[in-house]
Amino acid sequence: MRRPSGDRTMSVEYLLVTFNDDRDVLADGDRVGVTNHTILLPADEYNITLSGDGYAPPSQTVVLAGTSIMRPKVVTFS
C-alpha cells in the first residue's frame, strides 16, 4: 500500500557512545541510554553528553541519519 506523500514515517537511527566506564548517555539533556550499548533514536541532530564528569570532550554534536544496526553512528569520549 502506498502512503500519501504528506505521511512521513519516523526514521529510527542507531547511536553507539563509547567510554571506558558505564555512564548514562544524554541527548539534549535527556537520558537516552548507557555507554557501550546501541541506542535507538529518531533521526535528528543531538548534543551528546555523559553523566558525571571526568570525560572529554565536554559534549559532541551529532547528526543521526543513514545508520543501521550494523553501522551505528559511533561517538567516542575519553
N, C-alpha and C. Protein backbone atom coordinates (compact mmCIF):
# COMPACT_ATOMS: atom_id res chain seq x y z
N MET A 1 0.83 -1.18 0.00
CA MET A 1 0.00 0.00 0.00
C MET A 1 0.88 1.24 0.00
N ARG A 2 0.59 2.16 -0.86
CA ARG A 2 1.33 3.42 -0.94
C ARG A 2 0.80 4.43 0.06
N ARG A 3 1.69 5.13 0.70
CA ARG A 3 1.28 6.17 1.64
C ARG A 3 1.17 7.49 0.92
N PRO A 4 0.26 8.33 1.35
CA PRO A 4 0.19 9.67 0.77
C PRO A 4 1.51 10.40 0.99
N SER A 5 1.89 11.26 0.06
CA SER A 5 3.19 11.92 0.14
C SER A 5 3.36 12.75 1.41
N GLY A 6 2.30 13.22 2.02
CA GLY A 6 2.40 14.02 3.23
C GLY A 6 2.57 13.20 4.49
N ASP A 7 2.43 11.85 4.39
CA ASP A 7 2.51 10.98 5.56
C ASP A 7 3.94 10.46 5.69
N ARG A 8 4.70 11.03 6.61
CA ARG A 8 6.09 10.61 6.79
C ARG A 8 6.20 9.71 8.00
N THR A 9 6.92 8.60 7.84
CA THR A 9 7.16 7.74 8.98
C THR A 9 8.46 8.18 9.65
N MET A 10 8.53 7.99 10.95
CA MET A 10 9.71 8.39 11.70
C MET A 10 10.83 7.39 11.45
N SER A 11 12.00 7.91 11.10
CA SER A 11 13.16 7.08 10.85
C SER A 11 13.86 6.78 12.18
N VAL A 12 14.15 5.51 12.41
CA VAL A 12 14.89 5.11 13.62
C VAL A 12 16.37 5.02 13.25
N GLU A 13 17.20 5.65 14.05
CA GLU A 13 18.64 5.64 13.83
C GLU A 13 19.34 5.00 15.02
N TYR A 14 20.60 4.64 14.81
CA TYR A 14 21.38 3.88 15.79
C TYR A 14 22.62 4.67 16.20
N LEU A 15 22.80 4.80 17.51
CA LEU A 15 23.92 5.55 18.09
C LEU A 15 24.66 4.64 19.06
N LEU A 16 25.98 4.65 18.98
CA LEU A 16 26.83 3.91 19.92
C LEU A 16 27.81 4.90 20.52
N VAL A 17 27.67 5.17 21.81
CA VAL A 17 28.56 6.09 22.52
C VAL A 17 29.54 5.25 23.32
N THR A 18 30.82 5.42 23.04
CA THR A 18 31.83 4.62 23.73
C THR A 18 32.56 5.44 24.78
N PHE A 19 32.84 4.78 25.90
CA PHE A 19 33.59 5.35 27.01
C PHE A 19 34.11 4.17 27.82
N ASN A 20 35.21 4.37 28.56
CA ASN A 20 35.81 3.24 29.28
C ASN A 20 35.01 2.78 30.49
N ASP A 21 34.04 3.57 30.97
CA ASP A 21 33.15 3.18 32.07
C ASP A 21 31.71 3.26 31.60
N ASP A 22 30.83 2.59 32.35
CA ASP A 22 29.40 2.74 32.06
C ASP A 22 28.92 4.08 32.59
N ARG A 23 28.33 4.86 31.72
CA ARG A 23 27.76 6.15 32.08
C ARG A 23 26.42 6.30 31.38
N ASP A 24 25.54 7.11 31.95
CA ASP A 24 24.32 7.47 31.25
C ASP A 24 24.68 8.36 30.06
N VAL A 25 24.01 8.14 28.95
CA VAL A 25 24.17 8.97 27.76
C VAL A 25 23.01 9.94 27.72
N LEU A 26 23.32 11.22 27.54
CA LEU A 26 22.30 12.26 27.48
C LEU A 26 22.28 12.85 26.08
N ALA A 27 21.09 12.94 25.50
CA ALA A 27 20.90 13.60 24.20
C ALA A 27 20.06 14.84 24.46
N ASP A 28 20.64 15.99 24.22
CA ASP A 28 19.97 17.27 24.51
C ASP A 28 19.48 17.34 25.96
N GLY A 29 20.27 16.73 26.87
CA GLY A 29 19.96 16.78 28.30
C GLY A 29 19.06 15.68 28.81
N ASP A 30 18.51 14.86 27.92
CA ASP A 30 17.63 13.76 28.34
C ASP A 30 18.37 12.43 28.30
N ARG A 31 18.21 11.62 29.35
CA ARG A 31 18.85 10.30 29.37
C ARG A 31 18.22 9.41 28.30
N VAL A 32 19.07 8.86 27.43
CA VAL A 32 18.57 8.02 26.34
C VAL A 32 19.15 6.61 26.36
N GLY A 33 20.15 6.37 27.19
CA GLY A 33 20.75 5.04 27.24
C GLY A 33 22.03 5.05 28.04
N VAL A 34 22.86 4.02 27.80
CA VAL A 34 24.09 3.81 28.54
C VAL A 34 25.24 3.64 27.54
N THR A 35 26.42 4.10 27.92
CA THR A 35 27.58 3.95 27.06
C THR A 35 27.84 2.48 26.73
N ASN A 36 28.45 2.27 25.57
CA ASN A 36 28.88 0.96 25.10
C ASN A 36 27.72 0.02 24.75
N HIS A 37 26.52 0.58 24.58
CA HIS A 37 25.34 -0.17 24.13
C HIS A 37 24.68 0.64 23.02
N THR A 38 24.15 -0.03 22.01
CA THR A 38 23.49 0.66 20.91
C THR A 38 22.19 1.29 21.39
N ILE A 39 21.99 2.54 21.02
CA ILE A 39 20.83 3.33 21.42
C ILE A 39 20.02 3.65 20.16
N LEU A 40 18.71 3.50 20.22
CA LEU A 40 17.82 3.84 19.12
C LEU A 40 17.20 5.20 19.37
N LEU A 41 17.32 6.08 18.38
CA LEU A 41 16.77 7.44 18.48
C LEU A 41 16.17 7.84 17.14
N PRO A 42 15.22 8.76 17.14
CA PRO A 42 14.71 9.30 15.88
C PRO A 42 15.81 10.07 15.14
N ALA A 43 15.76 10.08 13.83
CA ALA A 43 16.71 10.85 13.04
C ALA A 43 16.61 12.32 13.44
N ASP A 44 17.75 12.94 13.73
CA ASP A 44 17.76 14.35 14.14
C ASP A 44 19.20 14.73 14.46
N GLU A 45 19.39 15.97 14.90
CA GLU A 45 20.69 16.44 15.39
C GLU A 45 20.61 16.50 16.91
N TYR A 46 21.65 16.01 17.58
CA TYR A 46 21.64 15.93 19.04
C TYR A 46 22.95 16.44 19.61
N ASN A 47 22.88 17.01 20.81
CA ASN A 47 24.05 17.36 21.60
C ASN A 47 24.23 16.23 22.61
N ILE A 48 25.29 15.45 22.47
CA ILE A 48 25.53 14.26 23.29
C ILE A 48 26.50 14.59 24.42
N THR A 49 26.11 14.23 25.65
CA THR A 49 26.96 14.36 26.82
C THR A 49 26.83 13.08 27.64
N LEU A 50 27.66 12.98 28.67
CA LEU A 50 27.61 11.85 29.59
C LEU A 50 27.27 12.34 30.98
N SER A 51 26.75 11.43 31.82
CA SER A 51 26.53 11.78 33.22
C SER A 51 27.87 11.87 33.92
N GLY A 52 27.90 12.62 35.00
CA GLY A 52 29.13 12.74 35.78
C GLY A 52 30.12 13.68 35.12
N ASP A 53 31.38 13.58 35.55
CA ASP A 53 32.42 14.42 34.98
C ASP A 53 33.65 13.56 34.72
N GLY A 54 34.72 14.19 34.28
CA GLY A 54 35.96 13.46 34.04
C GLY A 54 36.03 12.80 32.67
N TYR A 55 35.37 13.38 31.69
CA TYR A 55 35.45 12.87 30.32
C TYR A 55 35.68 14.04 29.36
N ALA A 56 36.17 13.74 28.18
CA ALA A 56 36.41 14.77 27.16
C ALA A 56 36.02 14.21 25.79
N PRO A 57 35.58 15.06 24.91
CA PRO A 57 35.25 16.46 25.08
C PRO A 57 34.01 16.61 25.96
N PRO A 58 33.66 17.84 26.37
CA PRO A 58 32.51 18.03 27.25
C PRO A 58 31.18 17.67 26.59
N SER A 59 31.11 17.80 25.26
CA SER A 59 29.91 17.42 24.52
C SER A 59 30.28 17.23 23.06
N GLN A 60 29.41 16.53 22.33
CA GLN A 60 29.59 16.36 20.89
C GLN A 60 28.25 16.50 20.21
N THR A 61 28.23 17.27 19.13
CA THR A 61 27.01 17.42 18.33
C THR A 61 27.07 16.40 17.20
N VAL A 62 26.01 15.61 17.08
CA VAL A 62 25.96 14.58 16.03
C VAL A 62 24.65 14.69 15.26
N VAL A 63 24.72 14.34 13.99
CA VAL A 63 23.54 14.24 13.15
C VAL A 63 23.30 12.76 12.91
N LEU A 64 22.14 12.27 13.35
CA LEU A 64 21.81 10.87 13.15
C LEU A 64 20.97 10.72 11.89
N ALA A 65 21.55 10.09 10.89
CA ALA A 65 20.86 9.83 9.63
C ALA A 65 21.64 8.76 8.88
N GLY A 66 20.94 7.86 8.25
CA GLY A 66 21.59 6.86 7.41
C GLY A 66 22.34 5.79 8.17
N THR A 67 21.98 5.54 9.42
CA THR A 67 22.66 4.50 10.20
C THR A 67 21.91 3.18 10.06
N SER A 68 22.52 2.13 10.57
CA SER A 68 21.86 0.82 10.64
C SER A 68 22.36 0.13 11.90
N ILE A 69 21.73 -0.97 12.25
CA ILE A 69 22.16 -1.71 13.43
C ILE A 69 23.60 -2.20 13.28
N MET A 70 24.01 -2.49 12.04
CA MET A 70 25.37 -2.95 11.79
C MET A 70 26.36 -1.78 11.64
N ARG A 71 25.85 -0.58 11.36
CA ARG A 71 26.69 0.60 11.17
C ARG A 71 26.12 1.79 11.93
N PRO A 72 26.16 1.73 13.28
CA PRO A 72 25.65 2.86 14.06
C PRO A 72 26.59 4.06 13.96
N LYS A 73 26.08 5.22 14.30
CA LYS A 73 26.92 6.40 14.43
C LYS A 73 27.70 6.21 15.73
N VAL A 74 29.03 6.21 15.66
CA VAL A 74 29.87 5.99 16.83
C VAL A 74 30.39 7.33 17.34
N VAL A 75 30.19 7.60 18.61
CA VAL A 75 30.67 8.80 19.27
C VAL A 75 31.56 8.34 20.42
N THR A 76 32.80 8.84 20.45
CA THR A 76 33.76 8.38 21.45
C THR A 76 34.13 9.51 22.41
N PHE A 77 34.05 9.19 23.70
CA PHE A 77 34.53 10.08 24.75
C PHE A 77 35.72 9.40 25.42
N SER A 78 36.64 10.22 25.94
CA SER A 78 37.80 9.64 26.63
C SER A 78 37.96 10.26 28.02
